[in-house]
Every structure is written in structure tokens, then in C-alpha cells.
N, C-alpha and C. Protein backbone atom coordinates (compact mmCIF):
# COMPACT_ATOMS: atom_id res chain seq x y z
N UNK A 1 10.99 -101.33 107.78
CA UNK A 1 11.54 -101.65 106.50
C UNK A 1 10.56 -101.24 105.40
N UNK A 2 11.06 -100.48 104.42
CA UNK A 2 10.22 -100.01 103.32
C UNK A 2 10.25 -101.05 102.21
N UNK A 3 9.07 -101.43 101.78
CA UNK A 3 8.98 -102.45 100.73
C UNK A 3 9.05 -101.80 99.35
N UNK A 4 9.28 -102.61 98.37
CA UNK A 4 9.32 -102.13 96.98
C UNK A 4 7.98 -101.55 96.58
N UNK A 5 6.91 -102.18 97.05
CA UNK A 5 5.57 -101.70 96.74
C UNK A 5 5.35 -100.31 97.34
N UNK A 6 5.84 -100.06 98.55
CA UNK A 6 5.70 -98.75 99.19
C UNK A 6 6.48 -97.69 98.44
N UNK A 7 7.70 -98.03 98.00
CA UNK A 7 8.50 -97.08 97.23
C UNK A 7 7.79 -96.71 95.92
N UNK A 8 7.21 -97.69 95.26
CA UNK A 8 6.51 -97.45 94.00
C UNK A 8 5.31 -96.54 94.22
N UNK A 9 4.59 -96.74 95.32
CA UNK A 9 3.42 -95.92 95.61
C UNK A 9 3.84 -94.47 95.88
N UNK A 10 4.91 -94.27 96.64
CA UNK A 10 5.40 -92.92 96.93
C UNK A 10 5.87 -92.25 95.64
N UNK A 11 6.59 -92.98 94.79
CA UNK A 11 7.07 -92.42 93.52
C UNK A 11 5.90 -92.02 92.63
N UNK A 12 4.86 -92.86 92.55
CA UNK A 12 3.70 -92.56 91.71
C UNK A 12 2.96 -91.33 92.23
N UNK A 13 2.81 -91.22 93.55
CA UNK A 13 2.15 -90.08 94.15
C UNK A 13 2.93 -88.80 93.89
N UNK A 14 4.24 -88.85 94.07
CA UNK A 14 5.08 -87.68 93.83
C UNK A 14 5.02 -87.24 92.38
N UNK A 15 5.10 -88.17 91.45
CA UNK A 15 5.03 -87.85 90.02
C UNK A 15 3.67 -87.25 89.68
N UNK A 16 2.62 -87.79 90.25
CA UNK A 16 1.27 -87.27 90.01
C UNK A 16 1.13 -85.83 90.48
N UNK A 17 1.71 -85.51 91.64
CA UNK A 17 1.65 -84.14 92.14
C UNK A 17 2.45 -83.20 91.25
N UNK A 18 3.61 -83.63 90.78
CA UNK A 18 4.44 -82.79 89.91
C UNK A 18 3.76 -82.54 88.57
N UNK A 19 3.19 -83.56 87.97
CA UNK A 19 2.52 -83.41 86.68
C UNK A 19 1.31 -82.51 86.83
N UNK A 20 0.58 -82.65 87.91
CA UNK A 20 -0.59 -81.82 88.14
C UNK A 20 -0.25 -80.35 88.33
N UNK A 21 0.98 -80.04 88.74
CA UNK A 21 1.38 -78.65 88.98
C UNK A 21 1.83 -77.94 87.72
N UNK A 22 2.09 -78.67 86.63
CA UNK A 22 2.56 -78.08 85.39
C UNK A 22 1.37 -77.70 84.53
N UNK A 23 1.28 -76.43 84.06
CA UNK A 23 0.15 -76.05 83.23
C UNK A 23 0.21 -76.76 81.88
N UNK A 24 -0.92 -76.98 81.24
CA UNK A 24 -0.93 -77.65 79.95
C UNK A 24 -0.22 -76.81 78.89
N UNK A 25 0.27 -77.46 77.83
CA UNK A 25 0.97 -76.76 76.76
C UNK A 25 0.05 -75.72 76.16
N UNK A 26 0.61 -74.55 75.88
CA UNK A 26 -0.16 -73.48 75.26
C UNK A 26 -0.84 -72.58 76.27
N UNK A 27 -0.88 -72.96 77.53
CA UNK A 27 -1.51 -72.11 78.52
C UNK A 27 -0.52 -71.05 78.97
N UNK A 28 -1.03 -69.83 79.16
CA UNK A 28 -0.13 -68.77 79.63
C UNK A 28 -0.14 -68.76 81.14
N UNK A 29 0.95 -68.28 81.71
CA UNK A 29 1.11 -68.31 83.16
C UNK A 29 -0.01 -67.63 83.90
N UNK A 30 -0.33 -66.38 83.53
CA UNK A 30 -1.35 -65.65 84.26
C UNK A 30 -2.69 -65.62 83.55
N UNK A 31 -2.76 -66.17 82.34
CA UNK A 31 -3.97 -66.12 81.53
C UNK A 31 -4.51 -64.70 81.41
N UNK A 32 -3.61 -63.71 81.38
CA UNK A 32 -4.02 -62.32 81.27
C UNK A 32 -3.84 -61.79 79.85
N UNK A 33 -3.55 -62.68 78.89
CA UNK A 33 -3.40 -62.23 77.52
C UNK A 33 -4.73 -62.33 76.78
N UNK A 34 -4.89 -61.46 75.80
CA UNK A 34 -6.07 -61.43 74.96
C UNK A 34 -5.64 -61.89 73.58
N UNK A 35 -6.41 -62.78 72.97
CA UNK A 35 -6.05 -63.34 71.66
C UNK A 35 -7.23 -63.21 70.71
N UNK A 36 -6.90 -62.89 69.47
CA UNK A 36 -7.88 -62.86 68.40
C UNK A 36 -7.25 -63.49 67.16
N UNK A 37 -8.07 -64.05 66.30
CA UNK A 37 -7.58 -64.63 65.05
C UNK A 37 -8.68 -64.56 64.01
N UNK A 38 -8.27 -64.73 62.75
CA UNK A 38 -9.25 -64.71 61.69
C UNK A 38 -8.61 -65.03 60.35
N UNK A 39 -9.40 -64.94 59.31
CA UNK A 39 -8.91 -65.21 57.97
C UNK A 39 -8.56 -63.91 57.27
N UNK A 40 -7.53 -64.01 56.44
CA UNK A 40 -7.16 -62.89 55.58
C UNK A 40 -8.05 -62.95 54.33
N UNK A 41 -7.78 -62.11 53.35
CA UNK A 41 -8.65 -62.06 52.18
C UNK A 41 -8.43 -63.19 51.19
N UNK A 42 -7.39 -63.99 51.37
CA UNK A 42 -7.14 -65.09 50.45
C UNK A 42 -7.05 -66.39 51.25
N UNK A 43 -5.92 -67.07 51.24
CA UNK A 43 -5.79 -68.36 51.91
C UNK A 43 -5.03 -68.29 53.23
N UNK A 44 -4.69 -67.12 53.69
CA UNK A 44 -3.88 -66.98 54.90
C UNK A 44 -4.77 -66.72 56.12
N UNK A 45 -4.19 -66.91 57.29
CA UNK A 45 -4.84 -66.63 58.57
C UNK A 45 -3.98 -65.67 59.37
N UNK A 46 -4.60 -64.87 60.23
CA UNK A 46 -3.86 -63.96 61.09
C UNK A 46 -4.18 -64.27 62.55
N UNK A 47 -3.23 -63.91 63.42
CA UNK A 47 -3.40 -64.03 64.87
C UNK A 47 -2.85 -62.76 65.50
N UNK A 48 -3.47 -62.34 66.58
CA UNK A 48 -3.03 -61.16 67.32
C UNK A 48 -3.17 -61.47 68.80
N UNK A 49 -2.12 -61.13 69.56
CA UNK A 49 -2.11 -61.40 70.99
C UNK A 49 -1.52 -60.18 71.70
N UNK A 50 -2.06 -59.83 72.85
CA UNK A 50 -1.51 -58.74 73.66
C UNK A 50 -1.66 -59.10 75.13
N UNK A 51 -0.66 -58.69 75.92
CA UNK A 51 -0.72 -58.92 77.36
C UNK A 51 0.14 -57.89 78.06
N UNK A 52 -0.20 -57.56 79.32
CA UNK A 52 0.62 -56.64 80.09
C UNK A 52 2.00 -57.23 80.36
N UNK A 53 3.02 -56.36 80.33
CA UNK A 53 4.39 -56.81 80.54
C UNK A 53 5.23 -55.65 81.09
N UNK A 54 5.50 -55.65 82.38
CA UNK A 54 6.33 -54.62 83.03
C UNK A 54 5.88 -53.20 82.72
N UNK A 55 4.60 -52.93 82.86
CA UNK A 55 4.06 -51.60 82.63
C UNK A 55 3.78 -51.27 81.18
N UNK A 56 4.14 -52.16 80.28
CA UNK A 56 3.87 -51.99 78.85
C UNK A 56 2.90 -53.07 78.40
N UNK A 57 2.57 -53.06 77.12
CA UNK A 57 1.80 -54.15 76.53
C UNK A 57 2.69 -54.87 75.53
N UNK A 58 2.80 -56.16 75.66
CA UNK A 58 3.53 -56.98 74.69
C UNK A 58 2.52 -57.41 73.63
N UNK A 59 2.81 -57.06 72.39
CA UNK A 59 1.90 -57.34 71.28
C UNK A 59 2.59 -58.28 70.29
N UNK A 60 1.88 -59.31 69.85
CA UNK A 60 2.43 -60.23 68.86
C UNK A 60 1.41 -60.41 67.74
N UNK A 61 1.85 -60.15 66.51
CA UNK A 61 1.02 -60.38 65.33
C UNK A 61 1.64 -61.48 64.50
N UNK A 62 0.81 -62.28 63.86
CA UNK A 62 1.31 -63.41 63.08
C UNK A 62 0.44 -63.61 61.84
N UNK A 63 1.06 -64.03 60.75
CA UNK A 63 0.36 -64.43 59.54
C UNK A 63 0.81 -65.84 59.19
N UNK A 64 -0.14 -66.74 58.98
CA UNK A 64 0.12 -68.11 58.53
C UNK A 64 -0.39 -68.22 57.10
N UNK A 65 0.50 -68.59 56.20
CA UNK A 65 0.15 -68.68 54.79
C UNK A 65 0.80 -69.93 54.19
N UNK A 66 0.22 -70.48 53.14
CA UNK A 66 0.82 -71.67 52.54
C UNK A 66 2.01 -71.37 51.64
N UNK A 67 2.41 -70.13 51.50
CA UNK A 67 3.49 -69.78 50.59
C UNK A 67 4.73 -69.30 51.34
N UNK A 68 5.86 -69.91 51.06
CA UNK A 68 7.14 -69.55 51.66
C UNK A 68 7.82 -68.49 50.80
N UNK A 69 8.52 -67.56 51.44
CA UNK A 69 9.31 -66.57 50.73
C UNK A 69 8.55 -65.34 50.28
N UNK A 70 7.30 -65.18 50.71
CA UNK A 70 6.51 -64.01 50.32
C UNK A 70 6.81 -62.85 51.27
N UNK A 71 6.91 -61.65 50.69
CA UNK A 71 7.20 -60.45 51.46
C UNK A 71 5.89 -59.77 51.86
N UNK A 72 5.76 -59.49 53.15
CA UNK A 72 4.58 -58.85 53.71
C UNK A 72 4.97 -57.54 54.39
N UNK A 73 4.16 -56.52 54.20
CA UNK A 73 4.28 -55.26 54.95
C UNK A 73 3.30 -55.37 56.11
N UNK A 74 3.76 -55.08 57.32
CA UNK A 74 2.91 -55.22 58.51
C UNK A 74 2.87 -53.92 59.30
N UNK A 75 1.81 -53.76 60.11
CA UNK A 75 1.65 -52.62 61.00
C UNK A 75 1.01 -53.08 62.30
N UNK A 76 1.48 -52.51 63.38
CA UNK A 76 0.80 -52.64 64.67
C UNK A 76 0.26 -51.26 65.00
N UNK A 77 -1.03 -51.18 65.26
CA UNK A 77 -1.67 -49.92 65.59
C UNK A 77 -2.03 -49.90 67.07
N UNK A 78 -1.96 -48.73 67.66
CA UNK A 78 -2.31 -48.57 69.07
C UNK A 78 -3.25 -47.38 69.18
N UNK A 79 -4.49 -47.64 69.55
CA UNK A 79 -5.52 -46.61 69.63
C UNK A 79 -5.62 -45.82 68.33
N UNK A 80 -5.56 -46.52 67.20
CA UNK A 80 -5.75 -45.92 65.89
C UNK A 80 -4.51 -45.32 65.25
N UNK A 81 -3.41 -45.26 65.97
CA UNK A 81 -2.17 -44.70 65.44
C UNK A 81 -1.16 -45.81 65.18
N UNK A 82 -0.35 -45.64 64.13
CA UNK A 82 0.67 -46.64 63.82
C UNK A 82 1.75 -46.60 64.90
N UNK A 83 1.94 -47.72 65.58
CA UNK A 83 2.95 -47.82 66.63
C UNK A 83 4.25 -48.43 66.09
N UNK A 84 4.12 -49.40 65.21
CA UNK A 84 5.28 -50.07 64.61
C UNK A 84 4.90 -50.52 63.21
N UNK A 85 5.89 -50.54 62.32
CA UNK A 85 5.68 -51.01 60.96
C UNK A 85 6.96 -51.64 60.43
N UNK A 86 6.82 -52.48 59.43
CA UNK A 86 8.02 -53.09 58.87
C UNK A 86 7.69 -54.07 57.77
N UNK A 87 8.71 -54.77 57.31
CA UNK A 87 8.57 -55.81 56.29
C UNK A 87 9.04 -57.13 56.88
N UNK A 88 8.37 -58.20 56.50
CA UNK A 88 8.78 -59.52 56.98
C UNK A 88 8.48 -60.52 55.89
N UNK A 89 9.39 -61.48 55.71
CA UNK A 89 9.23 -62.51 54.70
C UNK A 89 8.82 -63.82 55.37
N UNK A 90 7.89 -64.54 54.75
CA UNK A 90 7.49 -65.83 55.29
C UNK A 90 8.66 -66.80 55.19
N UNK A 91 8.80 -67.65 56.19
CA UNK A 91 9.96 -68.52 56.27
C UNK A 91 9.62 -69.97 55.92
N UNK A 92 10.67 -70.72 55.68
CA UNK A 92 10.53 -72.13 55.29
C UNK A 92 9.81 -72.95 56.35
N UNK A 93 9.34 -74.06 55.94
CA UNK A 93 8.58 -75.05 56.72
C UNK A 93 7.18 -74.57 57.01
N UNK A 94 7.01 -73.46 57.73
CA UNK A 94 5.66 -73.08 58.14
C UNK A 94 4.99 -72.13 57.17
N UNK A 95 5.75 -71.35 56.42
CA UNK A 95 5.14 -70.35 55.54
C UNK A 95 4.51 -69.23 56.32
N UNK A 96 5.02 -68.94 57.49
CA UNK A 96 4.44 -67.90 58.33
C UNK A 96 5.50 -66.91 58.77
N UNK A 97 5.04 -65.84 59.39
CA UNK A 97 5.94 -64.91 60.06
C UNK A 97 5.22 -64.34 61.27
N UNK A 98 6.00 -63.90 62.23
CA UNK A 98 5.41 -63.25 63.40
C UNK A 98 6.28 -62.06 63.78
N UNK A 99 5.65 -61.11 64.43
CA UNK A 99 6.30 -59.88 64.87
C UNK A 99 5.89 -59.65 66.32
N UNK A 100 6.86 -59.33 67.16
CA UNK A 100 6.58 -59.03 68.56
C UNK A 100 7.15 -57.67 68.91
N UNK A 101 6.31 -56.79 69.45
CA UNK A 101 6.73 -55.45 69.84
C UNK A 101 6.04 -55.09 71.15
N UNK A 102 6.55 -54.04 71.79
CA UNK A 102 5.93 -53.51 73.01
C UNK A 102 5.42 -52.10 72.75
N UNK A 103 4.26 -51.80 73.35
CA UNK A 103 3.67 -50.47 73.24
C UNK A 103 3.30 -50.00 74.65
N UNK A 104 3.06 -48.71 74.79
CA UNK A 104 2.68 -48.15 76.08
C UNK A 104 1.36 -48.75 76.54
N UNK A 105 1.22 -48.94 77.84
CA UNK A 105 -0.04 -49.40 78.42
C UNK A 105 -0.73 -48.16 78.99
N UNK A 106 -1.61 -47.60 78.19
CA UNK A 106 -2.29 -46.36 78.57
C UNK A 106 -3.40 -46.64 79.57
N UNK A 107 -3.86 -45.60 80.22
CA UNK A 107 -4.96 -45.74 81.17
C UNK A 107 -6.22 -46.17 80.43
N UNK A 108 -6.99 -47.00 81.06
CA UNK A 108 -8.24 -47.46 80.45
C UNK A 108 -7.99 -48.58 79.46
N UNK A 109 -8.88 -48.68 78.49
CA UNK A 109 -8.83 -49.75 77.50
C UNK A 109 -7.96 -49.33 76.33
N UNK A 110 -7.02 -50.18 75.96
CA UNK A 110 -6.16 -49.96 74.79
C UNK A 110 -6.74 -50.77 73.63
N UNK A 111 -6.78 -50.17 72.45
CA UNK A 111 -7.21 -50.88 71.24
C UNK A 111 -5.96 -51.14 70.40
N UNK A 112 -5.68 -52.42 70.17
CA UNK A 112 -4.50 -52.83 69.42
C UNK A 112 -4.97 -53.39 68.08
N UNK A 113 -4.36 -52.90 67.00
CA UNK A 113 -4.70 -53.36 65.66
C UNK A 113 -3.52 -54.06 65.00
N UNK A 114 -3.82 -54.93 64.06
CA UNK A 114 -2.81 -55.68 63.31
C UNK A 114 -3.22 -55.68 61.84
N UNK A 115 -2.28 -55.25 61.00
CA UNK A 115 -2.52 -55.27 59.55
C UNK A 115 -1.29 -55.85 58.86
N UNK A 116 -1.55 -56.62 57.83
CA UNK A 116 -0.47 -57.16 57.00
C UNK A 116 -0.95 -57.16 55.56
N UNK A 117 -0.03 -56.85 54.64
CA UNK A 117 -0.37 -56.75 53.23
C UNK A 117 0.70 -57.40 52.39
N UNK A 118 0.28 -58.28 51.49
CA UNK A 118 1.19 -58.95 50.57
C UNK A 118 1.01 -58.29 49.21
N UNK A 119 1.99 -57.52 48.79
CA UNK A 119 1.89 -56.76 47.54
C UNK A 119 1.84 -57.67 46.32
N UNK A 120 2.53 -58.79 46.36
CA UNK A 120 2.58 -59.70 45.21
C UNK A 120 1.21 -60.32 44.91
N UNK A 121 0.44 -60.61 45.95
CA UNK A 121 -0.85 -61.28 45.75
C UNK A 121 -2.05 -60.35 45.97
N UNK A 122 -1.81 -59.21 46.62
CA UNK A 122 -2.90 -58.31 46.96
C UNK A 122 -3.66 -58.71 48.21
N UNK A 123 -3.22 -59.77 48.84
CA UNK A 123 -3.91 -60.24 50.06
C UNK A 123 -3.62 -59.32 51.23
N UNK A 124 -4.64 -59.10 52.05
CA UNK A 124 -4.42 -58.33 53.27
C UNK A 124 -5.15 -58.98 54.45
N UNK A 125 -4.59 -58.70 55.63
CA UNK A 125 -5.09 -59.24 56.88
C UNK A 125 -5.34 -58.07 57.82
N UNK A 126 -6.43 -58.13 58.56
CA UNK A 126 -6.74 -57.08 59.53
C UNK A 126 -7.40 -57.69 60.75
N UNK A 127 -6.99 -57.21 61.90
CA UNK A 127 -7.60 -57.65 63.13
C UNK A 127 -7.36 -56.64 64.24
N UNK A 128 -8.12 -56.73 65.30
CA UNK A 128 -7.95 -55.83 66.44
C UNK A 128 -8.45 -56.52 67.71
N UNK A 129 -8.03 -55.97 68.82
CA UNK A 129 -8.50 -56.44 70.11
C UNK A 129 -8.48 -55.28 71.10
N UNK A 130 -9.15 -55.47 72.18
CA UNK A 130 -9.19 -54.49 73.29
C UNK A 130 -8.58 -55.14 74.51
N UNK A 131 -7.72 -54.39 75.17
CA UNK A 131 -7.09 -54.91 76.40
C UNK A 131 -7.05 -53.81 77.44
């Protein structure tokens, strides 16, 4: 006969094993991504992340700023050449924007660059990483 105390012990052990198997929030599955961040020329911050993805590199650039509705021109560079470019407006609540694109995963080390420019304020952000 299984007692209530035994059932509680089994349930606690099972829950402990399940919780221990889940990675903490913000952790990536393979931890194979490279991240860089820094300050822009005014009050904004930038982040850049890249990781291998099905033979390509998944690149994500982000700008965090205290101003909502600002238009930014952004570029993703790959080994010194412009790979992607566009315009993005900061959105409500966070005052940030992010861009995600894929680029070729060339042999050897890839250098990924991130640039963003706010024409209204003159602020610019620049960062790079090696993967």
C-alpha cells in the first residue's frame, strides 16, 4: 500500500528532475551564438547576435532607445560588405527595434557588422563580432 507521504516524495522527486532539465530563461539551446552589445553615440544601446542555422548564419541586430516612433536606417555587414539594409521605426512600450536576417556561412571566420543611424537626432550605433 502506497502512503500519501510516499506519493508526495515521488511527486517532488519527479518535479525536481523536470525542472532541472529545463534550461534557464535566456539560455540558448546549443550556446553556439555569439553576442555583443554597447552604447550608441547618444542615449541608446545596441545588441548584435549571430549563430549558425542550417548552413547559414542567423544574425539579429537591435537598438534600444528611450524614444518611441523614431525612424532608424540599419545595415548588416558581412565581411565588410553590406548584406542587408533597411528602415525600421522604434515601437511603443519598449522604444526599440530589432532586425533578423540570414547570411552565408563562409569558410573560416565570418565578421558580422551592425550599424544603425537616426537621422532626426544624428545618433549612430556600430558594432561587430566574429563567428
